[in-house]
């Protein structure tokens, strides 16, 4: 899989810099795709069309949709803009970036916990994995950043991004928003390494969750890395189609 992906990435890199219109087209497309799918995985009931209307037309959706769901769309788009800005400024992941990203995801939804590590122990519904106790979270997050710094130049970027996502969600450092934050951090790592924004589809939710569970309980990341790799492959095809 990596051989095919690496070949497509080399072709994509050869076409840089991209046409400005193509960049705008891809930005609008992936803002909606990533926002809709990442929120839907977490239970947001807004459709992809409703998500598009909120982001592109600024219209509030009625018909039983909650303000929380509306804010999740607005915040997620802002979070995408934030990680793109981090990449453009050639900044790297640290705990401040993670907390700032989480703050954007939860602001006006849960201000008390936005950008703050959890102060409670948590259980994950439907999972046999029990995240570390809350007083261990700061230490575990320090270890995660240290692991990233030690491996970012050694591991293939796809493995690096997938493992970081897994390790982050394993710690489950926040009360809420860990999944969205983890997928955005995975994208931040991929984008810093020249890969396009990558979307885990709502239709793949069960496989994605099962792969994360397998990684957490059995320390076997093979299925999860394959899911991430497939998603990257799809995004590369989309980029190559648009940039020509």
C-alpha atoms as a PDB file:
ATOM      1  CA  UNK A   1       0.000   0.000   0.000  1.00  0.00           C
ATOM      2  CA  UNK A   2       2.733   2.478   0.985  1.00  0.00           C
ATOM      3  CA  UNK A   3       4.495   1.954  -2.352  1.00  0.00           C
ATOM      4  CA  UNK A   4       1.346   2.963  -4.245  1.00  0.00           C
ATOM      5  CA  UNK A   5       0.746   5.923  -1.917  1.00  0.00           C
ATOM      6  CA  UNK A   6       4.358   7.093  -2.154  1.00  0.00           C
ATOM      7  CA  UNK A   7       4.157   6.977  -5.959  1.00  0.00           C
ATOM      8  CA  UNK A   8       0.963   9.057  -6.002  1.00  0.00           C
ATOM      9  CA  UNK A   9       2.471  11.534  -3.546  1.00  0.00           C
ATOM     10  CA  UNK A  10       5.550  11.976  -5.771  1.00  0.00           C
ATOM     11  CA  UNK A  11       3.253  12.672  -8.734  1.00  0.00           C
ATOM     12  CA  UNK A  12       1.261  15.155  -6.651  1.00  0.00           C
ATOM     13  CA  UNK A  13       4.427  16.884  -5.431  1.00  0.00           C
ATOM     14  CA  UNK A  14       5.616  17.241  -9.038  1.00  0.00           C
ATOM     15  CA  UNK A  15       2.514  19.314  -9.785  1.00  0.00           C
ATOM     16  CA  UNK A  16       3.206  21.908  -7.079  1.00  0.00           C
ATOM     17  CA  UNK A  17       2.531  24.789  -6.801  1.00  0.00           C
ATOM     18  CA  UNK A  18      -1.143  24.086  -7.429  1.00  0.00           C
ATOM     19  CA  UNK A  19      -3.464  26.370  -9.354  1.00  0.00           C
ATOM     20  CA  UNK A  20      -5.126  28.859  -6.992  1.00  0.00           C
ATOM     21  CA  UNK A  21      -8.614  27.854  -8.151  1.00  0.00           C
ATOM     22  CA  UNK A  22      -7.807  24.198  -7.534  1.00  0.00           C
ATOM     23  CA  UNK A  23      -6.630  25.027  -4.001  1.00  0.00           C
ATOM     24  CA  UNK A  24      -9.883  26.860  -3.236  1.00  0.00           C
ATOM     25  CA  UNK A  25     -11.934  24.016  -4.691  1.00  0.00           C
ATOM     26  CA  UNK A  26     -10.108  21.412  -2.613  1.00  0.00           C
ATOM     27  CA  UNK A  27     -10.324  23.557   0.527  1.00  0.00           C
ATOM     28  CA  UNK A  28     -14.117  23.913   0.271  1.00  0.00           C
ATOM     29  CA  UNK A  29     -14.544  20.222  -0.541  1.00  0.00           C
ATOM     30  CA  UNK A  30     -12.428  18.906   2.318  1.00  0.00           C
ATOM     31  CA  UNK A  31     -13.750  21.421   4.863  1.00  0.00           C
ATOM     32  CA  UNK A  32     -17.190  19.901   4.347  1.00  0.00           C
ATOM     33  CA  UNK A  33     -16.052  16.275   3.973  1.00  0.00           C
ATOM     34  CA  UNK A  34     -13.835  16.216   7.055  1.00  0.00           C
ATOM     35  CA  UNK A  35     -16.243  18.223   9.195  1.00  0.00           C
ATOM     36  CA  UNK A  36     -19.290  16.150   8.280  1.00  0.00           C
ATOM     37  CA  UNK A  37     -17.635  12.754   8.647  1.00  0.00           C
ATOM     38  CA  UNK A  38     -15.677  13.498  11.825  1.00  0.00           C
ATOM     39  CA  UNK A  39     -18.757  14.942  13.543  1.00  0.00           C
ATOM     40  CA  UNK A  40     -21.019  12.140  12.284  1.00  0.00           C
ATOM     41  CA  UNK A  41     -18.667   9.525  13.738  1.00  0.00           C
ATOM     42  CA  UNK A  42     -19.262  11.186  17.127  1.00  0.00           C
ATOM     43  CA  UNK A  43     -23.064  11.183  16.759  1.00  0.00           C
ATOM     44  CA  UNK A  44     -23.820  14.545  15.119  1.00  0.00           C
ATOM     45  CA  UNK A  45     -27.022  14.060  13.055  1.00  0.00           C
ATOM     46  CA  UNK A  46     -26.507  16.884  10.533  1.00  0.00           C
ATOM     47  CA  UNK A  47     -26.304  15.574   6.975  1.00  0.00           C
ATOM     48  CA  UNK A  48     -23.452  16.407   4.637  1.00  0.00           C
ATOM     49  CA  UNK A  49     -25.777  18.781   2.759  1.00  0.00           C
ATOM     50  CA  UNK A  50     -26.759  20.537   5.994  1.00  0.00           C
ATOM     51  CA  UNK A  51     -23.082  20.772   6.946  1.00  0.00           C
ATOM     52  CA  UNK A  52     -22.310  22.352   3.577  1.00  0.00           C
ATOM     53  CA  UNK A  53     -25.142  24.895   3.972  1.00  0.00           C
ATOM     54  CA  UNK A  54     -23.885  25.931   7.416  1.00  0.00           C
ATOM     55  CA  UNK A  55     -20.278  26.329   6.275  1.00  0.00           C
ATOM     56  CA  UNK A  56     -20.809  27.896   2.861  1.00  0.00           C
ATOM     57  CA  UNK A  57     -24.061  29.822   3.286  1.00  0.00           C
ATOM     58  CA  UNK A  58     -24.012  30.590   7.009  1.00  0.00           C
ATOM     59  CA  UNK A  59     -27.560  29.319   7.439  1.00  0.00           C
ATOM     60  CA  UNK A  60     -28.720  27.772  10.721  1.00  0.00           C
ATOM     61  CA  UNK A  61     -30.449  24.422  10.264  1.00  0.00           C
ATOM     62  CA  UNK A  62     -33.815  23.952  11.970  1.00  0.00           C
ATOM     63  CA  UNK A  63     -36.097  20.908  12.009  1.00  0.00           C
ATOM     64  CA  UNK A  64     -35.018  19.486  15.340  1.00  0.00           C
ATOM     65  CA  UNK A  65     -31.289  20.064  14.965  1.00  0.00           C
ATOM     66  CA  UNK A  66     -29.606  21.341  18.115  1.00  0.00           C
ATOM     67  CA  UNK A  67     -27.458  24.419  18.620  1.00  0.00           C
ATOM     68  CA  UNK A  68     -24.705  22.067  19.848  1.00  0.00           C
ATOM     69  CA  UNK A  69     -24.682  20.253  16.506  1.00  0.00           C
ATOM     70  CA  UNK A  70     -24.537  23.579  14.661  1.00  0.00           C
ATOM     71  CA  UNK A  71     -21.620  24.749  16.833  1.00  0.00           C
ATOM     72  CA  UNK A  72     -19.791  21.449  16.261  1.00  0.00           C
ATOM     73  CA  UNK A  73     -19.782  22.227  12.536  1.00  0.00           C
ATOM     74  CA  UNK A  74     -18.626  25.835  12.941  1.00  0.00           C
ATOM     75  CA  UNK A  75     -15.944  24.889  15.473  1.00  0.00           C
ATOM     76  CA  UNK A  76     -14.624  21.977  13.433  1.00  0.00           C
ATOM     77  CA  UNK A  77     -14.160  24.158  10.366  1.00  0.00           C
ATOM     78  CA  UNK A  78     -12.261  26.666  12.513  1.00  0.00           C
ATOM     79  CA  UNK A  79     -10.145  23.794  13.876  1.00  0.00           C
ATOM     80  CA  UNK A  80      -9.243  22.777  10.306  1.00  0.00           C
ATOM     81  CA  UNK A  81      -8.202  26.378   9.609  1.00  0.00           C
ATOM     82  CA  UNK A  82      -6.089  26.285  12.773  1.00  0.00           C
ATOM     83  CA  UNK A  83      -4.129  23.155  11.809  1.00  0.00           C
ATOM     84  CA  UNK A  84      -3.624  24.539   8.292  1.00  0.00           C
ATOM     85  CA  UNK A  85      -2.197  27.703   9.849  1.00  0.00           C
ATOM     86  CA  UNK A  86       0.111  25.616  12.053  1.00  0.00           C
ATOM     87  CA  UNK A  87       1.381  23.828   8.939  1.00  0.00           C
ATOM     88  CA  UNK A  88       1.813  27.050   6.958  1.00  0.00           C
ATOM     89  CA  UNK A  89       3.847  28.574   9.796  1.00  0.00           C
ATOM     90  CA  UNK A  90       5.949  25.386   9.997  1.00  0.00           C
ATOM     91  CA  UNK A  91       5.051  24.879  13.648  1.00  0.00           C
ATOM     92  CA  UNK A  92       5.028  21.413  15.164  1.00  0.00           C
ATOM     93  CA  UNK A  93       2.819  19.581  17.628  1.00  0.00           C
ATOM     94  CA  UNK A  94       3.255  20.303  21.312  1.00  0.00           C
ATOM     95  CA  UNK A  95       0.890  20.326  24.273  1.00  0.00           C
ATOM     96  CA  UNK A  96      -0.089  23.962  23.720  1.00  0.00           C
ATOM     97  CA  UNK A  97      -1.105  23.217  20.125  1.00  0.00           C
ATOM     98  CA  UNK A  98      -3.155  20.241  21.319  1.00  0.00           C
ATOM     99  CA  UNK A  99      -4.912  22.261  24.021  1.00  0.00           C
ATOM    100  CA  UNK A 100      -5.576  25.173  21.660  1.00  0.00           C
ATOM    101  CA  UNK A 101      -7.017  22.796  19.069  1.00  0.00           C
ATOM    102  CA  UNK A 102      -9.269  21.168  21.656  1.00  0.00           C
ATOM    103  CA  UNK A 103     -10.403  24.573  22.885  1.00  0.00           C
ATOM    104  CA  UNK A 104     -11.559  25.474  19.371  1.00  0.00           C
ATOM    105  CA  UNK A 105     -13.453  22.174  19.059  1.00  0.00           C
ATOM    106  CA  UNK A 106     -15.385  22.616  22.326  1.00  0.00           C
ATOM    107  CA  UNK A 107     -15.694  26.401  22.710  1.00  0.00           C
ATOM    108  CA  UNK A 108     -19.254  27.591  23.411  1.00  0.00           C
ATOM    109  CA  UNK A 109     -20.233  23.912  23.754  1.00  0.00           C
ATOM    110  CA  UNK A 110     -18.350  23.044  26.935  1.00  0.00           C
ATOM    111  CA  UNK A 111     -16.305  26.099  27.931  1.00  0.00           C
ATOM    112  CA  UNK A 112     -15.481  24.643  31.337  1.00  0.00           C
ATOM    113  CA  UNK A 113     -13.492  21.787  29.812  1.00  0.00           C
ATOM    114  CA  UNK A 114     -12.413  23.274  26.478  1.00  0.00           C
ATOM    115  CA  UNK A 115      -8.631  23.063  26.189  1.00  0.00           C
ATOM    116  CA  UNK A 116      -8.228  21.505  29.641  1.00  0.00           C
ATOM    117  CA  UNK A 117      -7.100  17.986  30.472  1.00  0.00           C
ATOM    118  CA  UNK A 118      -9.747  15.972  32.271  1.00  0.00           C
ATOM    119  CA  UNK A 119      -9.900  15.951  36.060  1.00  0.00           C
ATOM    120  CA  UNK A 120     -12.040  12.817  36.204  1.00  0.00           C
ATOM    121  CA  UNK A 121     -11.583   9.166  35.386  1.00  0.00           C
ATOM    122  CA  UNK A 122     -13.548   8.060  32.325  1.00  0.00           C
ATOM    123  CA  UNK A 123     -14.909   4.905  30.729  1.00  0.00           C
ATOM    124  CA  UNK A 124     -15.460   4.518  26.987  1.00  0.00           C
ATOM    125  CA  UNK A 125     -18.837   3.066  26.058  1.00  0.00           C
ATOM    126  CA  UNK A 126     -18.568  -0.254  24.226  1.00  0.00           C
ATOM    127  CA  UNK A 127     -14.818  -0.543  24.791  1.00  0.00           C
ATOM    128  CA  UNK A 128     -12.728  -2.872  26.923  1.00  0.00           C
ATOM    129  CA  UNK A 129     -10.004  -0.240  27.075  1.00  0.00           C
ATOM    130  CA  UNK A 130      -9.840   1.803  30.263  1.00  0.00           C
ATOM    131  CA  UNK A 131      -7.973   5.118  29.775  1.00  0.00           C
ATOM    132  CA  UNK A 132      -5.302   6.118  32.319  1.00  0.00           C
ATOM    133  CA  UNK A 133      -6.477   7.680  35.562  1.00  0.00           C
ATOM    134  CA  UNK A 134      -6.913  11.439  35.344  1.00  0.00           C
ATOM    135  CA  UNK A 135      -3.902  12.341  37.499  1.00  0.00           C
ATOM    136  CA  UNK A 136      -1.674  10.478  35.019  1.00  0.00           C
ATOM    137  CA  UNK A 137      -2.884  12.425  31.981  1.00  0.00           C
ATOM    138  CA  UNK A 138      -0.298  15.287  32.121  1.00  0.00           C
ATOM    139  CA  UNK A 139       2.532  12.769  32.426  1.00  0.00           C
ATOM    140  CA  UNK A 140       1.141  10.601  29.610  1.00  0.00           C
ATOM    141  CA  UNK A 141       0.772  13.625  27.326  1.00  0.00           C
ATOM    142  CA  UNK A 142       4.363  14.643  28.006  1.00  0.00           C
ATOM    143  CA  UNK A 143       5.416  11.114  27.075  1.00  0.00           C
ATOM    144  CA  UNK A 144       3.335  11.293  23.882  1.00  0.00           C
ATOM    145  CA  UNK A 145       5.051  14.487  22.733  1.00  0.00           C
ATOM    146  CA  UNK A 146       8.446  12.999  23.608  1.00  0.00           C
ATOM    147  CA  UNK A 147       7.580   9.862  21.589  1.00  0.00           C
ATOM    148  CA  UNK A 148       6.531  12.035  18.655  1.00  0.00           C
ATOM    149  CA  UNK A 149       9.716  14.115  18.762  1.00  0.00           C
ATOM    150  CA  UNK A 150      11.858  10.959  18.880  1.00  0.00           C
ATOM    151  CA  UNK A 151      10.036   9.239  15.998  1.00  0.00           C
ATOM    152  CA  UNK A 152       8.918  11.982  13.609  1.00  0.00           C
ATOM    153  CA  UNK A 153      12.031  11.625  11.470  1.00  0.00           C
ATOM    154  CA  UNK A 154      12.272   7.834  11.711  1.00  0.00           C
ATOM    155  CA  UNK A 155       8.801   6.421  11.010  1.00  0.00           C
ATOM    156  CA  UNK A 156       6.954   6.575   7.702  1.00  0.00           C
ATOM    157  CA  UNK A 157       4.573   9.569   8.020  1.00  0.00           C
ATOM    158  CA  UNK A 158       1.503   7.334   7.670  1.00  0.00           C
ATOM    159  CA  UNK A 159       2.634   5.085  10.525  1.00  0.00           C
ATOM    160  CA  UNK A 160       3.638   8.139  12.563  1.00  0.00           C
ATOM    161  CA  UNK A 161       0.224   9.778  12.087  1.00  0.00           C
ATOM    162  CA  UNK A 162      -1.746   6.594  12.763  1.00  0.00           C
ATOM    163  CA  UNK A 163       0.250   5.715  15.879  1.00  0.00           C
ATOM    164  CA  UNK A 164      -0.028   9.256  17.227  1.00  0.00           C
ATOM    165  CA  UNK A 165      -3.807   9.173  16.732  1.00  0.00           C
ATOM    166  CA  UNK A 166      -4.006   5.827  18.532  1.00  0.00           C
ATOM    167  CA  UNK A 167      -1.761   6.894  21.412  1.00  0.00           C
ATOM    168  CA  UNK A 168      -3.719  10.133  21.832  1.00  0.00           C
ATOM    169  CA  UNK A 169      -7.113   8.426  21.972  1.00  0.00           C
ATOM    170  CA  UNK A 170      -5.631   5.713  24.234  1.00  0.00           C
ATOM    171  CA  UNK A 171      -4.823   8.434  26.787  1.00  0.00           C
ATOM    172  CA  UNK A 172      -8.226  10.085  26.195  1.00  0.00           C
ATOM    173  CA  UNK A 173      -6.883  13.308  27.712  1.00  0.00           C
ATOM    174  CA  UNK A 174     -10.107  15.321  27.539  1.00  0.00           C
ATOM    175  CA  UNK A 175     -13.627  14.801  28.870  1.00  0.00           C
ATOM    176  CA  UNK A 176     -15.083  15.191  25.366  1.00  0.00           C
ATOM    177  CA  UNK A 177     -13.879  15.792  21.822  1.00  0.00           C
ATOM    178  CA  UNK A 178     -11.022  13.260  21.852  1.00  0.00           C
ATOM    179  CA  UNK A 179     -12.023  11.605  18.581  1.00  0.00           C
ATOM    180  CA  UNK A 180     -12.329  14.840  16.626  1.00  0.00           C
ATOM    181  CA  UNK A 181      -9.101  16.147  18.147  1.00  0.00           C
ATOM    182  CA  UNK A 182      -7.262  12.902  17.398  1.00  0.00           C
ATOM    183  CA  UNK A 183      -8.312  12.870  13.744  1.00  0.00           C
ATOM    184  CA  UNK A 184      -7.289  16.513  13.326  1.00  0.00           C
ATOM    185  CA  UNK A 185      -3.891  15.877  14.950  1.00  0.00           C
ATOM    186  CA  UNK A 186      -3.430  12.906  12.618  1.00  0.00           C
ATOM    187  CA  UNK A 187      -4.119  15.272   9.727  1.00  0.00           C
ATOM    188  CA  UNK A 188      -1.722  17.862  11.110  1.00  0.00           C
ATOM    189  CA  UNK A 189       1.075  15.280  11.049  1.00  0.00           C
ATOM    190  CA  UNK A 190       0.165  14.140   7.535  1.00  0.00           C
ATOM    191  CA  UNK A 191      -0.084  17.697   6.201  1.00  0.00           C
ATOM    192  CA  UNK A 192       3.272  18.641   7.752  1.00  0.00           C
ATOM    193  CA  UNK A 193       4.699  15.781   5.680  1.00  0.00           C
ATOM    194  CA  UNK A 194       3.075  16.939   2.446  1.00  0.00           C
ATOM    195  CA  UNK A 195       0.029  14.675   2.405  1.00  0.00           C
ATOM    196  CA  UNK A 196      -3.476  15.969   1.662  1.00  0.00           C
ATOM    197  CA  UNK A 197      -6.240  16.239   4.253  1.00  0.00           C
ATOM    198  CA  UNK A 198      -7.484  12.739   4.975  1.00  0.00           C
ATOM    199  CA  UNK A 199     -11.030  11.742   5.876  1.00  0.00           C
ATOM    200  CA  UNK A 200     -12.190   8.697   7.852  1.00  0.00           C
ATOM    201  CA  UNK A 201     -15.674   8.198   6.405  1.00  0.00           C
ATOM    202  CA  UNK A 202     -18.792   7.785   8.524  1.00  0.00           C
ATOM    203  CA  UNK A 203     -19.506   4.612   6.537  1.00  0.00           C
ATOM    204  CA  UNK A 204     -16.252   3.176   7.908  1.00  0.00           C
ATOM    205  CA  UNK A 205     -17.098   4.044  11.517  1.00  0.00           C
ATOM    206  CA  UNK A 206     -17.493   0.446  12.719  1.00  0.00           C
ATOM    207  CA  UNK A 207     -14.248  -0.709  11.113  1.00  0.00           C
ATOM    208  CA  UNK A 208     -12.445   2.378  12.391  1.00  0.00           C
ATOM    209  CA  UNK A 209     -13.686   1.902  15.965  1.00  0.00           C
ATOM    210  CA  UNK A 210     -12.911  -1.827  15.885  1.00  0.00           C
ATOM    211  CA  UNK A 211      -9.393  -1.126  14.635  1.00  0.00           C
ATOM    212  CA  UNK A 212      -8.814   1.426  17.415  1.00  0.00           C
ATOM    213  CA  UNK A 213     -10.140  -1.077  19.960  1.00  0.00           C
ATOM    214  CA  UNK A 214      -7.785  -3.760  18.620  1.00  0.00           C
ATOM    215  CA  UNK A 215      -4.886  -1.320  18.849  1.00  0.00           C
ATOM    216  CA  UNK A 216      -5.800  -0.351  22.421  1.00  0.00           C
ATOM    217  CA  UNK A 217      -6.555  -3.808  23.813  1.00  0.00           C
ATOM    218  CA  UNK A 218      -4.166  -6.020  21.824  1.00  0.00           C
ATOM    219  CA  UNK A 219      -1.511  -3.438  20.877  1.00  0.00           C
ATOM    220  CA  UNK A 220      -2.040  -4.471  17.244  1.00  0.00           C
ATOM    221  CA  UNK A 221      -2.195  -1.417  14.975  1.00  0.00           C
ATOM    222  CA  UNK A 222      -2.158  -3.260  11.639  1.00  0.00           C
ATOM    223  CA  UNK A 223      -5.877  -2.810  10.887  1.00  0.00           C
ATOM    224  CA  UNK A 224      -5.808   0.821  11.994  1.00  0.00           C
ATOM    225  CA  UNK A 225      -2.769   1.678   9.864  1.00  0.00           C
ATOM    226  CA  UNK A 226      -4.491   0.047   6.877  1.00  0.00           C
ATOM    227  CA  UNK A 227      -7.639   2.144   7.417  1.00  0.00           C
ATOM    228  CA  UNK A 228      -5.589   5.339   7.611  1.00  0.00           C
ATOM    229  CA  UNK A 229      -3.592   4.297   4.544  1.00  0.00           C
ATOM    230  CA  UNK A 230      -6.765   3.629   2.538  1.00  0.00           C
ATOM    231  CA  UNK A 231      -8.123   7.051   3.501  1.00  0.00           C
ATOM    232  CA  UNK A 232      -4.887   8.757   2.431  1.00  0.00           C
ATOM    233  CA  UNK A 233      -4.959   6.874  -0.870  1.00  0.00           C
ATOM    234  CA  UNK A 234      -8.490   8.146  -1.531  1.00  0.00           C
ATOM    235  CA  UNK A 235      -7.500  11.746  -0.731  1.00  0.00           C
ATOM    236  CA  UNK A 236      -4.487  11.539  -3.045  1.00  0.00           C
ATOM    237  CA  UNK A 237      -6.776  10.338  -5.868  1.00  0.00           C
ATOM    238  CA  UNK A 238      -9.073  13.320  -5.207  1.00  0.00           C
ATOM    239  CA  UNK A 239      -6.196  15.799  -5.249  1.00  0.00           C
ATOM    240  CA  UNK A 240      -4.720  14.312  -8.421  1.00  0.00           C
ATOM    241  CA  UNK A 241      -8.121  14.495 -10.125  1.00  0.00           C
ATOM    242  CA  UNK A 242      -8.512  18.182  -9.294  1.00  0.00           C
ATOM    243  CA  UNK A 243      -4.957  19.417  -9.939  1.00  0.00           C
ATOM    244  CA  UNK A 244      -4.844  17.459 -13.217  1.00  0.00           C
END
